[in-house]
Protein backbone atom coordinates (compact mmCIF):
# COMPACT_ATOMS: atom_id res chain seq x y z
CA UNK A 1 0.86 12.97 -19.83
CA UNK A 2 1.80 9.86 -21.76
CA UNK A 3 -0.98 7.32 -22.09
CA UNK A 4 -0.91 3.81 -20.65
CA UNK A 5 -0.36 2.41 -24.14
CA UNK A 6 2.64 4.68 -24.64
CA UNK A 7 4.15 3.82 -21.27
CA UNK A 8 3.73 0.06 -21.67
CA UNK A 9 5.17 0.24 -25.19
CA UNK A 10 8.24 2.10 -23.88
CA UNK A 11 8.70 -0.36 -21.00
CA UNK A 12 8.57 -3.30 -23.40
CA UNK A 13 10.90 -1.66 -25.94
CA UNK A 14 13.55 -1.08 -23.28
CA UNK A 15 13.24 -4.69 -22.13
CA UNK A 16 13.72 -6.01 -25.68
CA UNK A 17 16.74 -3.78 -26.35
CA UNK A 18 18.59 -4.53 -23.09
CA UNK A 19 20.27 -7.93 -23.23
CA UNK A 20 20.55 -8.15 -19.45
CA UNK A 21 16.75 -7.93 -19.13
CA UNK A 22 15.26 -11.37 -19.68
CA UNK A 23 11.63 -10.70 -18.79
CA UNK A 24 9.29 -7.93 -17.68
CA UNK A 25 5.94 -7.86 -15.97
CA UNK A 26 3.59 -5.33 -14.43
CA UNK A 27 1.89 -5.77 -11.09
CA UNK A 28 -0.20 -3.70 -8.71
CA UNK A 29 -3.45 -1.83 -9.29
CA UNK A 30 -3.09 -1.65 -13.08
CA UNK A 31 -3.43 -5.42 -13.26
CA UNK A 32 -6.43 -5.48 -10.93
CA UNK A 33 -9.74 -5.28 -12.82
CA UNK A 34 -11.51 -4.23 -9.61
CA UNK A 35 -9.23 -1.28 -8.90
CA UNK A 36 -10.64 2.14 -9.80
CA UNK A 37 -8.79 3.77 -12.68
CA UNK A 38 -7.35 7.25 -12.27
CA UNK A 39 -4.43 9.36 -13.44
CA UNK A 40 -2.57 8.82 -10.17
CA UNK A 41 -2.02 5.09 -10.66
CA UNK A 42 1.67 4.33 -10.94
CA UNK A 43 3.32 1.65 -13.03
CA UNK A 44 4.64 -1.17 -10.86
CA UNK A 45 7.20 -2.77 -13.15
CA UNK A 46 9.63 -5.61 -12.54
CA UNK A 47 12.48 -6.45 -14.91
CA UNK A 48 13.95 -9.90 -14.40
CA UNK A 49 17.67 -9.53 -15.01
CA UNK A 50 20.76 -11.71 -15.00
CA UNK A 51 22.40 -9.32 -12.55
CA UNK A 52 21.41 -6.05 -10.89
CA UNK A 53 24.94 -4.63 -10.77
CA UNK A 54 25.09 -2.74 -14.09
CA UNK A 55 21.76 -1.05 -13.37
CA UNK A 56 22.90 0.01 -9.92
CA UNK A 57 26.23 1.35 -11.15
CA UNK A 58 24.99 3.16 -14.27
CA UNK A 59 23.12 6.16 -12.91
CA UNK A 60 22.21 7.40 -16.39
CA UNK A 61 20.31 4.45 -17.84
CA UNK A 62 17.11 5.25 -15.92
CA UNK A 63 16.75 8.45 -17.96
CA UNK A 64 15.64 6.43 -20.98
CA UNK A 65 12.12 6.33 -19.48
CA UNK A 66 11.66 10.09 -19.86
CA UNK A 67 12.23 13.37 -18.08
CA UNK A 68 12.43 12.81 -14.33
CA UNK A 69 11.41 15.35 -11.71
CA UNK A 70 12.70 13.36 -8.74
CA UNK A 71 13.37 9.82 -7.58
CA UNK A 72 13.45 7.73 -4.44
CA UNK A 73 15.80 4.78 -3.92
CA UNK A 74 14.01 2.45 -1.48
CA UNK A 75 16.77 -0.17 -1.35
CA UNK A 76 19.29 2.51 -0.34
CA UNK A 77 17.24 3.44 2.71
CA UNK A 78 19.18 2.46 5.84
CA UNK A 79 15.96 2.02 7.81
CA UNK A 80 14.76 -0.95 5.75
CA UNK A 81 16.45 -4.28 5.01
CA UNK A 82 17.41 -4.90 1.40
CA UNK A 83 19.28 -7.31 -0.84
CA UNK A 84 20.55 -5.15 -3.68
CA UNK A 85 22.35 -8.06 -5.35
CA UNK A 86 18.96 -9.64 -6.04
CA UNK A 87 16.55 -6.71 -6.10
CA UNK A 88 17.03 -2.99 -6.61
CA UNK A 89 14.48 -0.29 -7.35
CA UNK A 90 13.60 3.26 -8.25
CA UNK A 91 10.42 5.14 -7.43
CA UNK A 92 10.12 7.78 -10.11
CA UNK A 93 8.02 10.88 -10.64
CA UNK A 94 8.14 11.91 -14.28
CA UNK A 95 7.71 15.47 -15.52
CA UNK A 96 4.59 14.53 -17.49
CA UNK A 97 2.79 13.37 -14.34
CA UNK A 98 3.34 9.62 -14.68
CA UNK A 99 4.81 7.66 -11.78
CA UNK A 100 6.73 4.41 -11.87
CA UNK A 101 7.85 1.94 -9.22
CA UNK A 102 10.55 0.02 -11.09
CA UNK A 103 12.59 -2.90 -9.81
CA UNK A 104 15.27 -5.04 -11.39
CA UNK A 105 15.32 -8.49 -9.81
CA UNK A 106 17.07 -11.76 -10.35
CA UNK A 107 14.96 -14.68 -11.53
CA UNK A 108 14.91 -16.38 -8.13
CA UNK A 109 13.87 -13.20 -6.31
CA UNK A 110 11.15 -12.29 -8.79
CA UNK A 111 9.58 -15.74 -8.99
CA UNK A 112 9.44 -15.96 -5.19
CA UNK A 113 7.35 -12.78 -4.99
CA UNK A 114 4.82 -13.16 -7.79
CA UNK A 115 1.30 -12.06 -6.92
CA UNK A 116 -1.21 -10.35 -9.23
CA UNK A 117 0.70 -9.60 -12.43
CA UNK A 118 0.66 -9.49 -16.23
CA UNK A 119 3.58 -10.58 -18.38
CA UNK A 120 4.92 -7.94 -20.77
CA UNK A 121 8.09 -9.59 -22.07
CA UNK A 122 9.51 -13.06 -21.55
CA UNK A 123 12.51 -13.90 -23.72
CA UNK A 124 13.22 -17.24 -22.07
CA UNK A 125 9.79 -18.42 -20.93
CA UNK A 126 10.75 -18.13 -17.26
CA UNK A 127 7.63 -16.43 -15.90
CA UNK A 128 4.68 -18.77 -15.29
CA UNK A 129 1.32 -17.86 -16.75
CA UNK A 130 -0.64 -15.91 -14.09
CA UNK A 131 -2.96 -18.17 -12.12
CA UNK A 132 -4.71 -15.27 -10.38
CA UNK A 133 -6.68 -12.81 -12.47
CA UNK A 134 -8.38 -10.88 -9.69
CA UNK A 135 -7.74 -9.63 -6.16
CA UNK A 136 -9.70 -12.24 -4.22
CA UNK A 137 -6.72 -13.15 -2.05
CA UNK A 138 -6.77 -9.59 -0.68
CA UNK A 139 -10.47 -9.50 0.10
CA UNK A 140 -11.23 -8.73 3.71
CA UNK A 141 -12.33 -11.83 5.60
CA UNK A 142 -15.27 -11.60 7.94
CA UNK A 143 -13.84 -11.25 11.45
CA UNK A 144 -14.63 -13.69 14.20
CA UNK A 145 -16.37 -12.13 17.20
CA UNK A 146 -13.21 -12.27 19.34
CA UNK A 147 -11.21 -10.56 16.56
CA UNK A 148 -13.84 -7.85 16.26
CA UNK A 149 -13.95 -7.25 20.01
CA UNK A 150 -10.15 -7.13 20.26
CA UNK A 151 -9.91 -4.66 17.37
CA UNK A 152 -12.50 -2.39 19.02
CA UNK A 153 -10.82 -2.59 22.42
CA UNK A 154 -7.40 -1.88 20.96
CA UNK A 155 -8.75 1.03 18.92
CA UNK A 156 -10.45 2.79 21.82
CA UNK A 157 -7.58 2.23 24.23
CA UNK A 158 -5.02 3.69 21.83
CA UNK A 159 -7.37 6.55 21.01
CA UNK A 160 -7.46 7.45 24.70
CA UNK A 161 -3.70 7.02 25.28
CA UNK A 162 -1.75 9.82 27.00
CA UNK A 163 0.25 11.07 23.97
CA UNK A 164 -2.95 11.86 22.10
CA UNK A 165 -4.86 13.28 25.06
CA UNK A 166 -1.98 15.46 26.26
CA UNK A 167 -1.05 16.60 22.79
CA UNK A 168 -4.50 17.78 21.70
CA UNK A 169 -5.10 20.68 24.13
CA UNK A 170 -1.48 21.78 23.71
CA UNK A 171 -2.08 22.02 19.93
CA UNK A 172 0.80 19.63 19.36
CA UNK A 173 -0.67 18.46 16.05
CA UNK A 174 2.44 16.64 14.87
CA UNK A 175 2.64 14.64 18.09
CA UNK A 176 -1.01 13.62 17.89
CA UNK A 177 -0.85 12.74 14.19
CA UNK A 178 2.34 10.73 14.56
CA UNK A 179 0.90 8.71 17.42
CA UNK A 180 -2.49 8.13 15.85
CA UNK A 181 -1.36 7.17 12.35
CA UNK A 182 2.07 5.65 12.80
CA UNK A 183 1.42 3.84 16.09
CA UNK A 184 -2.22 2.87 15.82
CA UNK A 185 -2.63 -0.50 14.10
CA UNK A 186 -5.93 -0.78 15.95
CA UNK A 187 -7.38 1.93 13.72
CA UNK A 188 -6.45 -0.04 10.61
CA UNK A 189 -7.84 -3.28 12.01
CA UNK A 190 -11.06 -1.56 13.07
CA UNK A 191 -11.66 -0.10 9.61
CA UNK A 192 -10.89 -3.44 8.00
CA UNK A 193 -13.44 -5.18 10.22
CA UNK A 194 -15.98 -2.46 9.48
CA UNK A 195 -15.42 -2.72 5.73
CA UNK A 196 -16.24 -6.41 5.86
CA UNK A 197 -19.31 -6.10 8.08
CA UNK A 198 -21.03 -3.30 6.14
CA UNK A 199 -20.24 -4.36 2.59
CA UNK A 200 -19.70 -7.38 0.40
CA UNK A 201 -16.62 -9.58 0.89
CA UNK A 202 -15.06 -8.03 -2.21
CA UNK A 203 -13.76 -5.10 -0.15
CA UNK A 204 -10.02 -5.18 -0.60
CA UNK A 205 -7.75 -5.25 2.42
CA UNK A 206 -4.65 -4.77 0.30
CA UNK A 207 -4.86 -1.04 0.84
CA UNK A 208 -6.41 1.42 3.27
CA UNK A 209 -6.87 4.03 0.53
CA UNK A 210 -10.47 5.32 0.61
CA UNK A 211 -11.29 4.35 -3.02
CA UNK A 212 -10.89 0.68 -2.07
CA UNK A 213 -13.25 0.93 0.90
CA UNK A 214 -17.06 0.77 0.59
CA UNK A 215 -18.78 4.22 0.72
CA UNK A 216 -20.10 3.89 4.33
CA UNK A 217 -16.60 3.10 5.56
CA UNK A 218 -15.02 5.91 3.53
CA UNK A 219 -17.40 8.42 5.10
CA UNK A 220 -16.91 7.01 8.59
CA UNK A 221 -13.14 6.92 8.18
CA UNK A 222 -13.04 10.57 7.10
CA UNK A 223 -15.34 11.55 9.94
CA UNK A 224 -13.32 9.74 12.59
CA UNK A 225 -9.94 10.97 11.38
CA UNK A 226 -11.10 14.57 10.93
CA UNK A 227 -12.63 14.61 14.40
CA UNK A 228 -9.70 13.02 16.20
CA UNK A 229 -7.19 15.30 14.47
CA UNK A 230 -9.09 18.49 15.36
CA UNK A 231 -6.71 20.36 17.64
CA UNK A 232 -9.61 21.89 19.60
CA UNK A 233 -11.41 18.61 20.29
CA UNK A 234 -10.59 15.80 22.68
CA UNK A 235 -12.40 12.70 21.35
CA UNK A 236 -14.26 11.61 24.50
CA UNK A 237 -17.08 9.06 24.03
CA UNK A 238 -16.66 9.53 20.29
CA UNK A 239 -18.08 6.73 18.15
CA UNK A 240 -16.71 7.23 14.61
CA UNK A 241 -18.80 4.63 12.84
CA UNK A 242 -22.22 3.17 13.40
CA UNK A 243 -22.28 -0.38 14.68
CA UNK A 244 -19.11 -0.21 16.77
CA UNK A 245 -19.68 -0.96 20.45
CA UNK A 246 -18.49 1.72 22.83
CA UNK A 247 -17.44 0.77 25.31
CA UNK A 248 -16.78 -2.75 23.95
CA UNK A 249 -18.99 -5.53 25.29
CA UNK A 250 -16.02 -6.88 27.18
CA UNK A 251 -13.62 -3.99 27.93
CA UNK A 252 -11.04 -6.40 29.32
CA UNK A 253 -10.52 -8.14 25.97
CA UNK A 254 -7.16 -7.31 24.46
CA UNK A 255 -6.01 -5.07 27.34
CA UNK A 256 -4.70 -7.61 29.81
CA UNK A 257 -1.10 -7.35 30.99
CA UNK A 258 -0.55 -3.84 29.66
């Protein structure tokens, strides 16, 4: 696997050689000093270009980054809105194990979406110096009592909804999983609230990946998800993490008019 130094050097070299690329920056977890480092971190790269058209039309140029196992074209996905004239991307899995999420964007598009980033190349001085050097804007905010109660109520109601209850004894694992993960924002809100109440405010809400959650929440999250996905268990009166009221203090909160 190529090292981070090798990958960044290659990304910068390509930017310098391609006239249409006017600037390059990296964003995501590799720019976050609080993010745990591991070999699975991808490279979130943005090239600011004069136009995206030549990159979209030339299917071969992307090979200059190395041997590719497979790619995903998010902007070509009909299920999501896109503006390929101003932003186009590739999600790449390289043969050496590295991953890259690469986008070519016009100046206006890129500057309107700057968050936590580090400048790699800037031929024209168009990218402002980063004002944010950490992930504080993503830290989970302590919930108000009404927010906490609503999150709990929503979580337990969805957990007890017919698709999950009927699917479990029938061993319809896909049905249960789809409903619980894809259609259960209450679960995400509940874990976010829990992360803030059991740990310091530096818990990041930018991701629900376990490494970004405090240890008590990681353990509780794994426990709750493993239990509720067990095809032989119907989660009745199941409290997945300590400190969550069940039933909620006010069971009517968040369930009116449903």
